[in-house]
Amino acid sequence: MAVNTKTKLSFIGVIVAVLVIGLVIWNQKRSTTTDEIVIGISPPFAKPLQVAVDEAKKDGINVRLVEFSDWNTPNITLNHGASRQT
């Protein structure tokens, strides 16, 4: 039985989301100077990442998700230091 492309992409998206949140949590434990972690995301990853954000919050880690509708805006925003704003 073949798995459709949408299912494959969803599975890959969840794996990527878990890896990103894992790296963020690992980095947060190493760094004590950050009060909040800001992650730029695209809308398809919002729900899986929100679950991870809720789990991180239980561990006392503040994560804020910022949704972007294209692939260029996150880079522009990061280059202008917007990730440091609260």
PDB file of N, CA and C in Angstrom:
ATOM      1  N   MET A   1       0.850  -1.170   0.000  1.00  0.00           N
ATOM      2  CA  MET A   1       0.000   0.000   0.000  1.00  0.00           C
ATOM      3  C   MET A   1       0.903   1.242   0.000  1.00  0.00           C
ATOM      4  N   ALA A   2       0.678   2.134  -0.916  1.00  0.00           N
ATOM      5  CA  ALA A   2       1.492   3.344  -1.036  1.00  0.00           C
ATOM      6  C   ALA A   2       0.982   4.424  -0.082  1.00  0.00           C
ATOM      7  N   VAL A   3       1.937   5.174   0.473  1.00  0.00           N
ATOM      8  CA  VAL A   3       1.599   6.289   1.345  1.00  0.00           C
ATOM      9  C   VAL A   3       1.556   7.543   0.480  1.00  0.00           C
ATOM     10  N   ASN A   4       0.494   8.340   0.601  1.00  0.00           N
ATOM     11  CA  ASN A   4       0.378   9.504  -0.260  1.00  0.00           C
ATOM     12  C   ASN A   4       1.380  10.584   0.148  1.00  0.00           C
ATOM     13  N   THR A   5       1.621  11.504  -0.756  1.00  0.00           N
ATOM     14  CA  THR A   5       2.620  12.552  -0.568  1.00  0.00           C
ATOM     15  C   THR A   5       2.282  13.461   0.598  1.00  0.00           C
ATOM     16  N   LYS A   6       1.019  13.776   0.781  1.00  0.00           N
ATOM     17  CA  LYS A   6       0.613  14.663   1.879  1.00  0.00           C
ATOM     18  C   LYS A   6       0.948  14.037   3.233  1.00  0.00           C
ATOM     19  N   THR A   7       0.723  12.738   3.361  1.00  0.00           N
ATOM     20  CA  THR A   7       1.050  12.044   4.601  1.00  0.00           C
ATOM     21  C   THR A   7       2.552  12.052   4.844  1.00  0.00           C
ATOM     22  N   LYS A   8       3.334  11.836   3.792  1.00  0.00           N
ATOM     23  CA  LYS A   8       4.791  11.862   3.920  1.00  0.00           C
ATOM     24  C   LYS A   8       5.265  13.242   4.365  1.00  0.00           C
ATOM     25  N   LEU A   9       4.722  14.282   3.734  1.00  0.00           N
ATOM     26  CA  LEU A   9       5.119  15.640   4.091  1.00  0.00           C
ATOM     27  C   LEU A   9       4.719  15.977   5.520  1.00  0.00           C
ATOM     28  N   SER A  10       3.561  15.530   5.947  1.00  0.00           N
ATOM     29  CA  SER A  10       3.133  15.768   7.321  1.00  0.00           C
ATOM     30  C   SER A  10       4.064  15.076   8.306  1.00  0.00           C
ATOM     31  N   PHE A  11       4.435  13.861   8.006  1.00  0.00           N
ATOM     32  CA  PHE A  11       5.347  13.114   8.872  1.00  0.00           C
ATOM     33  C   PHE A  11       6.707  13.800   8.936  1.00  0.00           C
ATOM     34  N   ILE A  12       7.215  14.227   7.807  1.00  0.00           N
ATOM     35  CA  ILE A  12       8.500  14.935   7.771  1.00  0.00           C
ATOM     36  C   ILE A  12       8.394  16.245   8.547  1.00  0.00           C
ATOM     37  N   GLY A  13       7.288  16.939   8.412  1.00  0.00           N
ATOM     38  CA  GLY A  13       7.082  18.191   9.139  1.00  0.00           C
ATOM     39  C   GLY A  13       7.103  17.990  10.642  1.00  0.00           C
ATOM     40  N   VAL A  14       6.473  16.937  11.110  1.00  0.00           N
ATOM     41  CA  VAL A  14       6.459  16.650  12.548  1.00  0.00           C
ATOM     42  C   VAL A  14       7.864  16.308  13.022  1.00  0.00           C
ATOM     43  N   ILE A  15       8.589  15.527  12.253  1.00  0.00           N
ATOM     44  CA  ILE A  15       9.971  15.182  12.612  1.00  0.00           C
ATOM     45  C   ILE A  15      10.827  16.436  12.690  1.00  0.00           C
ATOM     46  N   VAL A  16      10.710  17.320  11.711  1.00  0.00           N
ATOM     47  CA  VAL A  16      11.471  18.569  11.715  1.00  0.00           C
ATOM     48  C   VAL A  16      11.088  19.417  12.925  1.00  0.00           C
ATOM     49  N   ALA A  17       9.804  19.496  13.220  1.00  0.00           N
ATOM     50  CA  ALA A  17       9.342  20.285  14.367  1.00  0.00           C
ATOM     51  C   ALA A  17       9.925  19.752  15.671  1.00  0.00           C
ATOM     52  N   VAL A  18       9.925  18.449  15.840  1.00  0.00           N
ATOM     53  CA  VAL A  18      10.472  17.858  17.057  1.00  0.00           C
ATOM     54  C   VAL A  18      11.966  18.139  17.161  1.00  0.00           C
ATOM     55  N   LEU A  19      12.679  18.019  16.053  1.00  0.00           N
ATOM     56  CA  LEU A  19      14.114  18.302  16.068  1.00  0.00           C
ATOM     57  C   LEU A  19      14.398  19.762  16.406  1.00  0.00           C
ATOM     58  N   VAL A  20      13.636  20.677  15.812  1.00  0.00           N
ATOM     59  CA  VAL A  20      13.844  22.108  16.081  1.00  0.00           C
ATOM     60  C   VAL A  20      13.593  22.419  17.548  1.00  0.00           C
ATOM     61  N   ILE A  21      12.487  21.946  18.079  1.00  0.00           N
ATOM     62  CA  ILE A  21      12.184  22.209  19.486  1.00  0.00           C
ATOM     63  C   ILE A  21      13.217  21.552  20.391  1.00  0.00           C
ATOM     64  N   GLY A  22      13.660  20.360  20.047  1.00  0.00           N
ATOM     65  CA  GLY A  22      14.698  19.696  20.831  1.00  0.00           C
ATOM     66  C   GLY A  22      15.981  20.501  20.863  1.00  0.00           C
ATOM     67  N   LEU A  23      16.384  21.019  19.711  1.00  0.00           N
ATOM     68  CA  LEU A  23      17.588  21.850  19.660  1.00  0.00           C
ATOM     69  C   LEU A  23      17.401  23.146  20.432  1.00  0.00           C
ATOM     70  N   VAL A  24      16.237  23.723  20.342  1.00  0.00           N
ATOM     71  CA  VAL A  24      15.958  24.960  21.070  1.00  0.00           C
ATOM     72  C   VAL A  24      16.021  24.717  22.577  1.00  0.00           C
ATOM     73  N   ILE A  25      15.423  23.626  23.033  1.00  0.00           N
ATOM     74  CA  ILE A  25      15.444  23.315  24.461  1.00  0.00           C
ATOM     75  C   ILE A  25      16.872  23.029  24.926  1.00  0.00           C
ATOM     76  N   TRP A  26      17.603  22.282  24.119  1.00  0.00           N
ATOM     77  CA  TRP A  26      18.998  21.986  24.457  1.00  0.00           C
ATOM     78  C   TRP A  26      19.806  23.268  24.556  1.00  0.00           C
ATOM     79  N   ASN A  27      19.610  24.172  23.613  1.00  0.00           N
ATOM     80  CA  ASN A  27      20.330  25.446  23.623  1.00  0.00           C
ATOM     81  C   ASN A  27      19.893  26.301  24.814  1.00  0.00           C
ATOM     82  N   GLN A  28      18.623  26.270  25.148  1.00  0.00           N
ATOM     83  CA  GLN A  28      18.118  27.045  26.283  1.00  0.00           C
ATOM     84  C   GLN A  28      18.752  26.572  27.583  1.00  0.00           C
ATOM     85  N   LYS A  29      18.941  25.294  27.736  1.00  0.00           N
ATOM     86  CA  LYS A  29      19.555  24.769  28.950  1.00  0.00           C
ATOM     87  C   LYS A  29      21.019  25.189  29.050  1.00  0.00           C
ATOM     88  N   ARG A  30      21.666  25.401  27.903  1.00  0.00           N
ATOM     89  CA  ARG A  30      23.059  25.835  27.893  1.00  0.00           C
ATOM     90  C   ARG A  30      23.191  27.325  28.127  1.00  0.00           C
ATOM     91  N   SER A  31      22.206  28.095  27.745  1.00  0.00           N
ATOM     92  CA  SER A  31      22.269  29.550  27.840  1.00  0.00           C
ATOM     93  C   SER A  31      21.312  30.047  28.912  1.00  0.00           C
ATOM     94  N   THR A  32      21.812  30.870  29.819  1.00  0.00           N
ATOM     95  CA  THR A  32      20.967  31.396  30.879  1.00  0.00           C
ATOM     96  C   THR A  32      20.628  32.865  30.669  1.00  0.00           C
ATOM     97  N   THR A  33      21.072  33.458  29.543  1.00  0.00           N
ATOM     98  CA  THR A  33      20.843  34.880  29.314  1.00  0.00           C
ATOM     99  C   THR A  33      19.553  35.163  28.554  1.00  0.00           C
ATOM    100  N   THR A  34      18.905  34.173  28.005  1.00  0.00           N
ATOM    101  CA  THR A  34      17.717  34.366  27.190  1.00  0.00           C
ATOM    102  C   THR A  34      16.456  34.144  28.014  1.00  0.00           C
ATOM    103  N   ASP A  35      15.541  35.119  27.960  1.00  0.00           N
ATOM    104  CA  ASP A  35      14.272  34.975  28.663  1.00  0.00           C
ATOM    105  C   ASP A  35      13.225  34.294  27.805  1.00  0.00           C
ATOM    106  N   GLU A  36      13.341  34.473  26.510  1.00  0.00           N
ATOM    107  CA  GLU A  36      12.337  33.928  25.596  1.00  0.00           C
ATOM    108  C   GLU A  36      13.016  33.474  24.315  1.00  0.00           C
ATOM    109  N   ILE A  37      12.557  32.362  23.788  1.00  0.00           N
ATOM    110  CA  ILE A  37      13.043  31.867  22.511  1.00  0.00           C
ATOM    111  C   ILE A  37      11.981  32.188  21.476  1.00  0.00           C
ATOM    112  N   VAL A  38      12.395  32.820  20.399  1.00  0.00           N
ATOM    113  CA  VAL A  38      11.479  33.182  19.325  1.00  0.00           C
ATOM    114  C   VAL A  38      11.806  32.311  18.122  1.00  0.00           C
ATOM    115  N   ILE A  39      10.790  31.631  17.601  1.00  0.00           N
ATOM    116  CA  ILE A  39      10.978  30.746  16.455  1.00  0.00           C
ATOM    117  C   ILE A  39      10.064  31.211  15.335  1.00  0.00           C
ATOM    118  N   GLY A  40      10.647  31.487  14.178  1.00  0.00           N
ATOM    119  CA  GLY A  40       9.871  31.827  12.992  1.00  0.00           C
ATOM    120  C   GLY A  40       9.412  30.548  12.313  1.00  0.00           C
ATOM    121  N   ILE A  41       8.134  30.459  12.023  1.00  0.00           N
ATOM    122  CA  ILE A  41       7.576  29.239  11.435  1.00  0.00           C
ATOM    123  C   ILE A  41       6.673  29.572  10.260  1.00  0.00           C
ATOM    124  N   SER A  42       6.400  28.560   9.460  1.00  0.00           N
ATOM    125  CA  SER A  42       5.397  28.705   8.410  1.00  0.00           C
ATOM    126  C   SER A  42       4.109  28.048   8.914  1.00  0.00           C
ATOM    127  N   PRO A  43       2.964  28.503   8.434  1.00  0.00           N
ATOM    128  CA  PRO A  43       1.672  28.022   8.955  1.00  0.00           C
ATOM    129  C   PRO A  43       1.486  26.502   9.011  1.00  0.00           C
ATOM    130  N   PRO A  44       2.014  25.715   8.055  1.00  0.00           N
ATOM    131  CA  PRO A  44       1.778  24.268   8.158  1.00  0.00           C
ATOM    132  C   PRO A  44       2.380  23.629   9.415  1.00  0.00           C
ATOM    133  N   PHE A  45       3.372  24.279  10.014  1.00  0.00           N
ATOM    134  CA  PHE A  45       4.029  23.707  11.187  1.00  0.00           C
ATOM    135  C   PHE A  45       3.504  24.279  12.494  1.00  0.00           C
ATOM    136  N   ALA A  46       2.503  25.142  12.444  1.00  0.00           N
ATOM    137  CA  ALA A  46       2.027  25.831  13.643  1.00  0.00           C
ATOM    138  C   ALA A  46       1.476  24.872  14.700  1.00  0.00           C
ATOM    139  N   LYS A  47       0.621  23.943  14.319  1.00  0.00           N
ATOM    140  CA  LYS A  47       0.008  23.050  15.309  1.00  0.00           C
ATOM    141  C   LYS A  47       1.025  22.126  15.976  1.00  0.00           C
ATOM    142  N   PRO A  48       1.892  21.416  15.219  1.00  0.00           N
ATOM    143  CA  PRO A  48       2.869  20.546  15.893  1.00  0.00           C
ATOM    144  C   PRO A  48       3.825  21.331  16.784  1.00  0.00           C
ATOM    145  N   LEU A  49       4.235  22.504  16.331  1.00  0.00           N
ATOM    146  CA  LEU A  49       5.156  23.299  17.134  1.00  0.00           C
ATOM    147  C   LEU A  49       4.469  23.877  18.372  1.00  0.00           C
ATOM    148  N   GLN A  50       3.187  24.178  18.283  1.00  0.00           N
ATOM    149  CA  GLN A  50       2.475  24.691  19.451  1.00  0.00           C
ATOM    150  C   GLN A  50       2.422  23.634  20.554  1.00  0.00           C
ATOM    151  N   VAL A  51       2.281  22.386  20.170  1.00  0.00           N
ATOM    152  CA  VAL A  51       2.305  21.301  21.150  1.00  0.00           C
ATOM    153  C   VAL A  51       3.667  21.273  21.842  1.00  0.00           C
ATOM    154  N   ALA A  52       4.738  21.412  21.065  1.00  0.00           N
ATOM    155  CA  ALA A  52       6.081  21.413  21.638  1.00  0.00           C
ATOM    156  C   ALA A  52       6.294  22.633  22.530  1.00  0.00           C
ATOM    157  N   VAL A  53       5.745  23.788  22.129  1.00  0.00           N
ATOM    158  CA  VAL A  53       5.857  25.007  22.946  1.00  0.00           C
ATOM    159  C   VAL A  53       5.160  24.794  24.290  1.00  0.00           C
ATOM    160  N   ASP A  54       4.005  24.173  24.276  1.00  0.00           N
ATOM    161  CA  ASP A  54       3.271  23.904  25.513  1.00  0.00           C
ATOM    162  C   ASP A  54       4.076  22.982  26.439  1.00  0.00           C
ATOM    163  N   GLU A  55       4.735  21.987  25.856  1.00  0.00           N
ATOM    164  CA  GLU A  55       5.570  21.083  26.654  1.00  0.00           C
ATOM    165  C   GLU A  55       6.783  21.822  27.217  1.00  0.00           C
ATOM    166  N   ALA A  56       7.390  22.688  26.424  1.00  0.00           N
ATOM    167  CA  ALA A  56       8.543  23.459  26.894  1.00  0.00           C
ATOM    168  C   ALA A  56       8.143  24.382  28.038  1.00  0.00           C
ATOM    169  N   LYS A  57       6.936  24.947  27.944  1.00  0.00           N
ATOM    170  CA  LYS A  57       6.456  25.852  28.984  1.00  0.00           C
ATOM    171  C   LYS A  57       6.321  25.124  30.325  1.00  0.00           C
ATOM    172  N   LYS A  58       5.941  23.855  30.286  1.00  0.00           N
ATOM    173  CA  LYS A  58       5.842  23.060  31.504  1.00  0.00           C
ATOM    174  C   LYS A  58       7.202  22.939  32.188  1.00  0.00           C
ATOM    175  N   ASP A  59       8.276  22.998  31.378  1.00  0.00           N
ATOM    176  CA  ASP A  59       9.646  22.922  31.912  1.00  0.00           C
ATOM    177  C   ASP A  59      10.219  24.299  32.220  1.00  0.00           C
ATOM    178  N   GLY A  60       9.377  25.333  32.119  1.00  0.00           N
ATOM    179  CA  GLY A  60       9.825  26.682  32.445  1.00  0.00           C
ATOM    180  C   GLY A  60      10.557  27.386  31.320  1.00  0.00           C
ATOM    181  N   ILE A  61      10.408  26.898  30.097  1.00  0.00           N
ATOM    182  CA  ILE A  61      11.064  27.513  28.943  1.00  0.00           C
ATOM    183  C   ILE A  61      10.025  28.294  28.151  1.00  0.00           C
ATOM    184  N   ASN A  62      10.264  29.589  27.977  1.00  0.00           N
ATOM    185  CA  ASN A  62       9.327  30.438  27.241  1.00  0.00           C
ATOM    186  C   ASN A  62       9.697  30.445  25.764  1.00  0.00           C
ATOM    187  N   VAL A  63       8.770  29.993  24.950  1.00  0.00           N
ATOM    188  CA  VAL A  63       8.968  29.959  23.498  1.00  0.00           C
ATOM    189  C   VAL A  63       7.821  30.711  22.859  1.00  0.00           C
ATOM    190  N   ARG A  64       8.164  31.597  21.926  1.00  0.00           N
ATOM    191  CA  ARG A  64       7.136  32.344  21.188  1.00  0.00           C
ATOM    192  C   ARG A  64       7.268  31.990  19.723  1.00  0.00           C
ATOM    193  N   LEU A  65       6.166  31.588  19.111  1.00  0.00           N
ATOM    194  CA  LEU A  65       6.145  31.270  17.689  1.00  0.00           C
ATOM    195  C   LEU A  65       5.677  32.487  16.905  1.00  0.00           C
ATOM    196  N   VAL A  66       6.388  32.782  15.829  1.00  0.00           N
ATOM    197  CA  VAL A  66       6.016  33.882  14.949  1.00  0.00           C
ATOM    198  C   VAL A  66       5.789  33.278  13.565  1.00  0.00           C
ATOM    199  N   GLU A  67       4.556  33.396  13.077  1.00  0.00           N
ATOM    200  CA  GLU A  67       4.222  32.821  11.774  1.00  0.00           C
ATOM    201  C   GLU A  67       4.559  33.771  10.644  1.00  0.00           C
ATOM    202  N   PHE A  68       5.166  33.221   9.598  1.00  0.00           N
ATOM    203  CA  PHE A  68       5.476  33.960   8.379  1.00  0.00           C
ATOM    204  C   PHE A  68       4.819  33.240   7.208  1.00  0.00           C
ATOM    205  N   SER A  69       4.326  34.014   6.254  1.00  0.00           N
ATOM    206  CA  SER A  69       3.616  33.410   5.134  1.00  0.00           C
ATOM    207  C   SER A  69       4.510  33.127   3.937  1.00  0.00           C
ATOM    208  N   ASP A  70       5.779  33.528   3.996  1.00  0.00           N
ATOM    209  CA  ASP A  70       6.698  33.240   2.898  1.00  0.00           C
ATOM    210  C   ASP A  70       8.054  32.838   3.466  1.00  0.00           C
ATOM    211  N   TRP A  71       8.993  32.524   2.590  1.00  0.00           N
ATOM    212  CA  TRP A  71      10.299  32.032   3.027  1.00  0.00           C
ATOM    213  C   TRP A  71      11.336  33.137   3.174  1.00  0.00           C
ATOM    214  N   ASN A  72      11.088  34.333   2.683  1.00  0.00           N
ATOM    215  CA  ASN A  72      12.070  35.413   2.743  1.00  0.00           C
ATOM    216  C   ASN A  72      11.935  36.281   3.983  1.00  0.00           C
ATOM    217  N   THR A  73      10.726  36.505   4.433  1.00  0.00           N
ATOM    218  CA  THR A  73      10.488  37.400   5.561  1.00  0.00           C
ATOM    219  C   THR A  73      11.212  36.977   6.839  1.00  0.00           C
ATOM    220  N   PRO A  74      11.277  35.686   7.190  1.00  0.00           N
ATOM    221  CA  PRO A  74      11.999  35.334   8.421  1.00  0.00           C
ATOM    222  C   PRO A  74      13.467  35.765   8.386  1.00  0.00           C
ATOM    223  N   ASN A  75      14.128  35.604   7.254  1.00  0.00           N
ATOM    224  CA  ASN A  75      15.523  36.008   7.145  1.00  0.00           C
ATOM    225  C   ASN A  75      15.677  37.514   7.269  1.00  0.00           C
ATOM    226  N   ILE A  76      14.812  38.254   6.623  1.00  0.00           N
ATOM    227  CA  ILE A  76      14.858  39.712   6.704  1.00  0.00           C
ATOM    228  C   ILE A  76      14.610  40.161   8.138  1.00  0.00           C
ATOM    229  N   THR A  77      13.624  39.562   8.781  1.00  0.00           N
ATOM    230  CA  THR A  77      13.292  39.906  10.157  1.00  0.00           C
ATOM    231  C   THR A  77      14.461  39.604  11.093  1.00  0.00           C
ATOM    232  N   LEU A  78      15.056  38.439  10.933  1.00  0.00           N
ATOM    233  CA  LEU A  78      16.187  38.067  11.767  1.00  0.00           C
ATOM    234  C   LEU A  78      17.370  39.009  11.550  1.00  0.00           C
ATOM    235  N   ASN A  79      17.630  39.376  10.308  1.00  0.00           N
ATOM    236  CA  ASN A  79      18.734  40.292  10.012  1.00  0.00           C
ATOM    237  C   ASN A  79      18.539  41.664  10.643  1.00  0.00           C
ATOM    238  N   HIS A  80      17.295  42.057  10.858  1.00  0.00           N
ATOM    239  CA  HIS A  80      17.012  43.357  11.483  1.00  0.00           C
ATOM    240  C   HIS A  80      16.864  43.266  12.993  1.00  0.00           C
ATOM    241  N   GLY A  81      17.134  42.106  13.567  1.00  0.00           N
ATOM    242  CA  GLY A  81      17.124  41.969  15.013  1.00  0.00           C
ATOM    243  C   GLY A  81      15.763  41.875  15.650  1.00  0.00           C
ATOM    244  N   ALA A  82      14.737  41.564  14.889  1.00  0.00           N
ATOM    245  CA  ALA A  82      13.387  41.519  15.442  1.00  0.00           C
ATOM    246  C   ALA A  82      13.218  40.374  16.432  1.00  0.00           C
ATOM    247  N   SER A  83      14.101  39.378  16.383  1.00  0.00           N
ATOM    248  CA  SER A  83      13.953  38.269  17.325  1.00  0.00           C
ATOM    249  C   SER A  83      14.259  38.696  18.743  1.00  0.00           C
ATOM    250  N   ARG A  84      14.883  39.869  18.920  1.00  0.00           N
ATOM    251  CA  ARG A  84      15.198  40.341  20.262  1.00  0.00           C
ATOM    252  C   ARG A  84      14.067  41.143  20.865  1.00  0.00           C
ATOM    253  N   GLN A  85      13.035  41.443  20.073  1.00  0.00           N
ATOM    254  CA  GLN A  85      11.899  42.213  20.569  1.00  0.00           C
ATOM    255  C   GLN A  85      10.948  41.286  21.303  1.00  0.00           C
ATOM    256  N   THR A  86      10.233  41.849  22.273  1.00  0.00           N
ATOM    257  CA  THR A  86       9.252  41.035  22.989  1.00  0.00           C
ATOM    258  C   THR A  86       7.866  41.473  22.654  1.00  0.00           C
TER     259      THR A  86
END
